[in-house]
């Protein structure tokens, strides 16, 4: 997408946002996984207008810690008893590639605006709705581009820290970054009020309980390495911290890490890939979408990090993913 196209998108979004805010409250709803990118994007965008409010079903560990430490405004929603404002002008959804990834029922007949950077999109939008789907590494990049252009006064140190944390985590501390991601980071670090090294430590200082460490160790012990077509996959299962476990497996040199979980009738797959692997043809988000097409459920994500969830048996879900990988040819240097 060219700079002119991005600016046209941002102008359309600004017009949509002002019209929505003139009609009433505008919730900014986060993706139900509650990761730092979706929470940081929502909190930062909510600073642009008094009628905006960041809200969502879940706060991930890092996002919860950042919201609490920075005292950032965020309202938890209930998947069963969500009550929307009577005077609602519209709803903004950030970092969710489909309605099912929000986790709550959205108000019927209300204009929607979706800000997302996933390669896949399953939203069904009407004539009063708007989609900004950019090929960037994090949704926080879209939000910061908007704030810099239309609400620079909203880019406080709290807002920039929330955006930077989302960018850090979604690029795996810039291991999956591109030039645009680094440019956004430079913009967010402008001035001398954020010490980057200290900030990274604060974002990554996640504590682990003894039981969680035990779960990670058991997941590592169960890990199995297999070849699927031209690719090597290391897979295991765990009851918690699937993303961290998958990242640990990538750290051992695995091309693709796959961690499955079954809890309360729902199976979840979490996958990670090294940058070397994505450059040679693997796009995990597209693979998870194909898994959903084959066995149902919902799947998608980024090239190097993606997930799937559904009611299919854990072994069958793993097998579907492994089979999809086998169809991908490897691009050599």
Protein backbone atom coordinates (compact mmCIF):
# COMPACT_ATOMS: atom_id res chain seq x y z
CA UNK A 1 0.00 0.00 0.00
CA UNK A 2 1.41 3.38 -1.02
CA UNK A 3 1.70 6.39 1.27
CA UNK A 4 -1.10 8.12 -0.64
CA UNK A 5 -3.37 5.11 -0.16
CA UNK A 6 -2.60 5.03 3.55
CA UNK A 7 -3.35 8.73 3.92
CA UNK A 8 -6.63 8.25 2.04
CA UNK A 9 -7.50 5.42 4.43
CA UNK A 10 -6.68 7.59 7.45
CA UNK A 11 -8.79 10.45 6.10
CA UNK A 12 -11.74 8.09 5.63
CA UNK A 13 -11.21 6.74 9.12
CA UNK A 14 -11.04 10.25 10.60
CA UNK A 15 -14.33 11.20 8.91
CA UNK A 16 -15.95 7.95 10.08
CA UNK A 17 -14.70 8.46 13.65
CA UNK A 18 -15.90 12.07 13.90
CA UNK A 19 -19.33 11.15 12.56
CA UNK A 20 -19.60 8.22 14.96
CA UNK A 21 -18.50 10.32 17.96
CA UNK A 22 -21.04 13.01 17.06
CA UNK A 23 -23.81 10.39 17.42
CA UNK A 24 -22.72 9.04 20.80
CA UNK A 25 -20.27 6.73 22.54
CA UNK A 26 -17.87 4.67 20.43
CA UNK A 27 -16.44 1.53 22.10
CA UNK A 28 -13.07 0.35 20.79
CA UNK A 29 -13.33 -3.42 21.10
CA UNK A 30 -10.22 -5.57 21.28
CA UNK A 31 -9.58 -9.05 19.96
CA UNK A 32 -10.49 -11.67 22.56
CA UNK A 33 -6.93 -12.99 22.91
CA UNK A 34 -6.13 -9.74 24.72
CA UNK A 35 -2.54 -9.53 23.48
CA UNK A 36 -0.46 -6.38 23.77
CA UNK A 37 -1.03 -5.25 20.19
CA UNK A 38 -4.83 -5.23 20.42
CA UNK A 39 -4.91 -3.73 23.94
CA UNK A 40 -2.23 -1.13 23.19
CA UNK A 41 -3.99 -0.10 19.98
CA UNK A 42 -7.36 0.33 21.70
CA UNK A 43 -6.03 2.24 24.70
CA UNK A 44 -3.95 4.57 22.54
CA UNK A 45 -6.76 5.29 20.10
CA UNK A 46 -9.19 6.02 22.93
CA UNK A 47 -7.08 9.08 23.81
CA UNK A 48 -8.08 10.77 20.55
CA UNK A 49 -11.67 11.70 21.58
CA UNK A 50 -13.68 11.79 24.84
CA UNK A 51 -16.40 9.55 23.38
CA UNK A 52 -13.97 6.69 22.76
CA UNK A 53 -13.51 3.88 25.30
CA UNK A 54 -11.15 0.90 25.05
CA UNK A 55 -12.84 -2.34 26.09
CA UNK A 56 -12.68 -6.05 25.54
CA UNK A 57 -13.22 -9.54 26.84
CA UNK A 58 -9.74 -10.38 28.04
CA UNK A 59 -6.39 -8.92 29.03
CA UNK A 60 -3.34 -11.05 28.38
CA UNK A 61 -0.58 -11.18 30.97
CA UNK A 62 1.67 -8.53 29.44
CA UNK A 63 -1.26 -6.29 28.53
CA UNK A 64 -2.74 -6.55 32.03
CA UNK A 65 0.58 -5.64 33.61
CA UNK A 66 1.04 -2.65 31.29
CA UNK A 67 -2.53 -1.40 31.81
CA UNK A 68 -2.12 -1.61 35.58
CA UNK A 69 1.37 -0.08 35.75
CA UNK A 70 0.48 2.82 33.45
CA UNK A 71 -3.06 3.19 34.88
CA UNK A 72 -4.38 3.09 31.34
CA UNK A 73 -8.16 3.22 30.79
CA UNK A 74 -9.60 -0.14 29.79
CA UNK A 75 -13.00 -1.66 30.56
CA UNK A 76 -13.48 -5.43 30.82
CA UNK A 77 -16.53 -6.85 29.04
CA UNK A 78 -18.55 -9.97 29.80
CA UNK A 79 -19.16 -12.58 27.12
CA UNK A 80 -22.62 -13.21 28.59
CA UNK A 81 -23.90 -9.86 29.87
CA UNK A 82 -22.34 -7.11 27.77
CA UNK A 83 -24.49 -3.97 27.92
CA UNK A 84 -23.72 -1.39 25.25
CA UNK A 85 -24.38 2.35 25.75
CA UNK A 86 -27.86 3.53 24.76
CA UNK A 87 -26.46 6.32 22.61
CA UNK A 88 -23.88 4.45 20.57
CA UNK A 89 -22.44 6.08 17.48
CA UNK A 90 -20.37 3.19 16.20
CA UNK A 91 -17.97 0.42 17.17
CA UNK A 92 -14.28 0.18 16.33
CA UNK A 93 -12.68 -3.26 16.36
CA UNK A 94 -8.90 -3.55 16.57
CA UNK A 95 -6.69 -6.53 15.72
CA UNK A 96 -9.42 -9.08 14.96
CA UNK A 97 -9.67 -10.76 11.57
CA UNK A 98 -13.25 -11.97 12.07
CA UNK A 99 -16.29 -11.28 14.21
CA UNK A 100 -15.70 -14.51 16.12
CA UNK A 101 -12.31 -13.24 17.28
CA UNK A 102 -13.98 -10.52 19.36
CA UNK A 103 -15.76 -12.92 21.72
CA UNK A 104 -18.82 -10.76 22.36
CA UNK A 105 -21.95 -10.01 20.36
CA UNK A 106 -21.67 -6.62 18.70
CA UNK A 107 -24.72 -4.30 18.68
CA UNK A 108 -26.87 -4.86 15.60
CA UNK A 109 -27.28 -2.04 13.10
CA UNK A 110 -24.36 -0.04 14.50
CA UNK A 111 -21.69 1.15 12.03
CA UNK A 112 -18.45 -0.78 12.38
CA UNK A 113 -14.84 0.13 11.67
CA UNK A 114 -12.19 -2.59 11.64
CA UNK A 115 -8.48 -1.79 12.06
CA UNK A 116 -6.34 -4.85 11.42
CA UNK A 117 -3.05 -6.07 9.99
CA UNK A 118 -3.74 -9.78 9.62
CA UNK A 119 -3.36 -11.30 6.16
CA UNK A 120 -6.85 -12.81 6.42
CA UNK A 121 -10.19 -11.05 6.81
CA UNK A 122 -13.58 -12.70 7.37
CA UNK A 123 -15.61 -9.62 8.28
CA UNK A 124 -18.92 -9.05 6.49
CA UNK A 125 -19.22 -5.28 6.32
CA UNK A 126 -22.10 -3.06 5.22
CA UNK A 127 -22.21 0.24 3.38
CA UNK A 128 -21.75 2.28 6.57
CA UNK A 129 -18.83 0.18 7.75
CA UNK A 130 -15.13 0.73 7.13
CA UNK A 131 -12.09 -1.56 6.92
CA UNK A 132 -8.45 -0.50 7.31
CA UNK A 133 -6.38 -3.62 6.65
CA UNK A 134 -2.75 -2.68 6.24
CA UNK A 135 0.25 -4.82 5.44
CA UNK A 136 2.16 -3.81 8.57
CA UNK A 137 3.69 -5.75 11.43
CA UNK A 138 1.33 -4.52 14.17
CA UNK A 139 -2.02 -2.76 14.43
CA UNK A 140 -0.34 -0.17 16.67
CA UNK A 141 1.37 1.14 13.53
CA UNK A 142 -2.01 2.05 12.03
CA UNK A 143 -3.11 3.74 15.25
CA UNK A 144 0.09 5.76 15.61
CA UNK A 145 -0.09 6.86 11.98
CA UNK A 146 -3.59 8.17 12.66
CA UNK A 147 -2.65 9.91 15.91
CA UNK A 148 0.39 11.58 14.37
CA UNK A 149 -1.73 12.99 11.57
CA UNK A 150 -5.02 13.86 13.30
CA UNK A 151 -4.49 13.84 17.09
CA UNK A 152 -0.83 14.57 17.93
CA UNK A 153 -1.87 16.02 21.29
CA UNK A 154 -3.06 12.53 22.30
CA UNK A 155 0.41 10.97 21.94
CA UNK A 156 1.29 11.18 25.63
CA UNK A 157 4.05 9.07 27.16
CA UNK A 158 1.44 6.52 28.30
CA UNK A 159 -0.05 6.30 24.81
CA UNK A 160 3.35 5.90 23.16
CA UNK A 161 4.40 3.25 25.69
CA UNK A 162 1.24 1.24 25.00
CA UNK A 163 1.86 1.48 21.26
CA UNK A 164 5.54 0.59 21.58
CA UNK A 165 4.74 -2.43 23.78
CA UNK A 166 2.31 -3.69 21.15
CA UNK A 167 4.91 -3.25 18.42
CA UNK A 168 7.59 -4.97 20.50
CA UNK A 169 5.51 -8.03 21.27
CA UNK A 170 3.95 -8.50 17.83
CA UNK A 171 7.35 -8.35 16.12
CA UNK A 172 8.95 -10.62 18.74
CA UNK A 173 11.22 -7.78 19.83
CA UNK A 174 11.73 -6.76 16.19
CA UNK A 175 12.84 -10.21 14.99
CA UNK A 176 9.90 -10.11 12.55
CA UNK A 177 10.08 -6.36 11.93
CA UNK A 178 10.37 -4.56 8.61
CA UNK A 179 11.40 -1.02 7.72
CA UNK A 180 7.95 0.37 8.52
CA UNK A 181 8.02 -1.18 12.00
CA UNK A 182 11.39 0.40 12.76
CA UNK A 183 10.15 3.76 11.46
CA UNK A 184 7.17 3.59 13.80
CA UNK A 185 9.48 2.71 16.70
CA UNK A 186 11.62 5.76 15.95
CA UNK A 187 8.51 7.96 15.98
CA UNK A 188 7.36 6.48 19.29
CA UNK A 189 10.78 6.99 20.85
CA UNK A 190 11.11 10.60 19.71
CA UNK A 191 12.11 12.79 22.62
CA UNK A 192 13.98 11.65 25.70
CA UNK A 193 11.10 10.56 27.95
CA UNK A 194 11.30 6.81 27.17
CA UNK A 195 14.46 4.86 27.95
CA UNK A 196 14.26 2.01 25.46
CA UNK A 197 16.41 -0.54 27.31
CA UNK A 198 14.54 -0.05 30.60
CA UNK A 199 11.21 -0.16 28.80
CA UNK A 200 12.02 -3.48 27.11
CA UNK A 201 12.92 -4.96 30.48
CA UNK A 202 9.63 -3.79 31.96
CA UNK A 203 7.63 -5.31 29.10
CA UNK A 204 9.45 -8.64 29.27
CA UNK A 205 9.62 -8.95 33.06
CA UNK A 206 6.88 -11.56 33.23
CA UNK A 207 6.99 -13.72 36.34
CA UNK A 208 6.26 -17.43 36.21
CA UNK A 209 4.85 -19.44 39.11
CA UNK A 210 6.37 -22.81 40.08
CA UNK A 211 3.38 -24.65 38.60
CA UNK A 212 3.70 -22.73 35.33
CA UNK A 213 7.40 -23.48 35.13
CA UNK A 214 6.53 -27.12 35.66
CA UNK A 215 4.01 -26.96 32.83
CA UNK A 216 6.59 -25.45 30.49
CA UNK A 217 9.15 -28.11 31.39
CA UNK A 218 6.64 -30.92 30.85
CA UNK A 219 5.71 -29.41 27.49
CA UNK A 220 9.38 -29.38 26.49
CA UNK A 221 9.79 -33.00 27.59
CA UNK A 222 6.82 -34.05 25.42
CA UNK A 223 8.11 -32.23 22.34
CA UNK A 224 8.45 -34.32 19.19
CA UNK A 225 10.27 -33.39 15.98
CA UNK A 226 8.76 -34.48 12.65
CA UNK A 227 9.22 -33.63 8.98
CA UNK A 228 6.24 -32.43 7.00
CA UNK A 229 7.11 -32.07 3.35
CA UNK A 230 10.11 -29.74 3.12
CA UNK A 231 9.71 -28.47 6.68
CA UNK A 232 10.59 -29.52 10.19
CA UNK A 233 7.93 -29.14 12.88
CA UNK A 234 8.48 -29.52 16.61
CA UNK A 235 5.13 -30.05 18.33
CA UNK A 236 3.88 -30.64 21.84
CA UNK A 237 0.87 -29.94 24.05
CA UNK A 238 0.42 -27.89 27.20
CA UNK A 239 -2.27 -26.62 29.52
CA UNK A 240 -1.00 -23.05 29.72
CA UNK A 241 1.51 -20.54 28.34
CA UNK A 242 1.31 -22.02 24.83
CA UNK A 243 2.79 -18.94 23.17
CA UNK A 244 5.80 -18.88 25.46
CA UNK A 245 6.34 -22.61 25.03
CA UNK A 246 6.21 -22.25 21.24
CA UNK A 247 8.77 -19.44 21.39
CA UNK A 248 11.04 -21.62 23.54
CA UNK A 249 10.85 -24.35 20.89
CA UNK A 250 11.80 -21.87 18.17
CA UNK A 251 14.75 -20.91 20.37
CA UNK A 252 16.01 -24.49 20.11
CA UNK A 253 16.34 -24.08 16.34
CA UNK A 254 12.95 -25.44 15.24
CA UNK A 255 11.65 -24.13 11.91
CA UNK A 256 8.02 -24.35 13.04
CA UNK A 257 6.75 -24.83 16.59
CA UNK A 258 3.22 -26.10 17.22
CA UNK A 259 1.63 -26.27 20.68
CA UNK A 260 -1.87 -27.63 21.22
CA UNK A 261 -4.21 -27.35 24.18
CA UNK A 262 -7.60 -28.80 25.10
CA UNK A 263 -9.66 -27.17 27.82
CA UNK A 264 -13.40 -26.91 28.56
CA UNK A 265 -14.38 -28.56 25.28
CA UNK A 266 -12.22 -26.28 23.12
CA UNK A 267 -9.02 -27.17 21.30
CA UNK A 268 -6.47 -24.47 20.55
CA UNK A 269 -3.40 -24.54 18.33
CA UNK A 270 -0.60 -22.01 18.73
CA UNK A 271 2.18 -21.84 16.16
CA UNK A 272 5.41 -19.89 15.77
CA UNK A 273 7.96 -19.81 12.94
CA UNK A 274 11.43 -18.35 12.65
CA UNK A 275 12.05 -15.41 10.35
CA UNK A 276 14.25 -17.65 8.18
CA UNK A 277 11.24 -19.97 7.77
CA UNK A 278 8.74 -17.25 6.82
CA UNK A 279 11.14 -15.83 4.25
CA UNK A 280 11.18 -19.21 2.54
CA UNK A 281 7.45 -19.59 2.11
CA UNK A 282 5.68 -20.33 5.41
CA UNK A 283 2.80 -18.07 6.42
CA UNK A 284 1.28 -19.45 9.60
CA UNK A 285 -1.80 -17.22 9.45
CA UNK A 286 -2.76 -18.57 6.04
CA UNK A 287 -2.09 -22.13 7.19
CA UNK A 288 -4.35 -21.72 10.22
CA UNK A 289 -7.06 -20.29 7.99
CA UNK A 290 -6.81 -23.40 5.82
CA UNK A 291 -7.10 -25.57 8.93
CA UNK A 292 -10.34 -23.75 9.76
CA UNK A 293 -11.63 -24.34 6.22
CA UNK A 294 -10.87 -28.04 6.54
CA UNK A 295 -12.10 -28.88 10.05
CA UNK A 296 -14.09 -25.81 11.13
CA UNK A 297 -13.32 -23.39 13.94
CA UNK A 298 -11.48 -20.11 13.56
CA UNK A 299 -7.91 -19.60 12.49
CA UNK A 300 -5.55 -16.92 11.28
CA UNK A 301 -2.74 -14.63 12.29
CA UNK A 302 0.62 -13.44 11.04
CA UNK A 303 3.32 -15.13 8.99
CA UNK A 304 5.43 -15.96 12.04
CA UNK A 305 2.73 -16.30 14.72
CA UNK A 306 -0.81 -17.64 14.41
CA UNK A 307 -3.48 -19.71 16.07
CA UNK A 308 -6.62 -21.77 15.61
CA UNK A 309 -9.45 -22.70 17.97
CA UNK A 310 -12.41 -25.04 17.63
CA UNK A 311 -14.12 -28.15 18.97
CA UNK A 312 -12.22 -30.70 16.88
CA UNK A 313 -10.15 -33.31 18.73
CA UNK A 314 -6.63 -32.10 19.56
CA UNK A 315 -4.86 -34.85 17.58
CA UNK A 316 -7.06 -34.26 14.54
CA UNK A 317 -6.37 -30.51 14.69
CA UNK A 318 -2.61 -31.11 14.92
CA UNK A 319 -2.78 -33.53 11.98
CA UNK A 320 -4.67 -30.99 9.87
CA UNK A 321 -2.03 -28.33 10.48
CA UNK A 322 0.86 -30.71 9.80
CA UNK A 323 -0.79 -31.83 6.56
CA UNK A 324 -1.26 -28.23 5.41
CA UNK A 325 2.43 -27.49 6.00
CA UNK A 326 3.39 -30.40 3.74
CA UNK A 327 1.81 -28.64 0.75
CA UNK A 328 4.10 -25.59 1.02
CA UNK A 329 7.19 -25.59 -1.17
CA UNK A 330 10.42 -24.18 0.19
CA UNK A 331 11.92 -21.12 -1.53
CA UNK A 332 15.69 -21.35 -1.50
CA UNK A 333 18.17 -18.44 -1.42
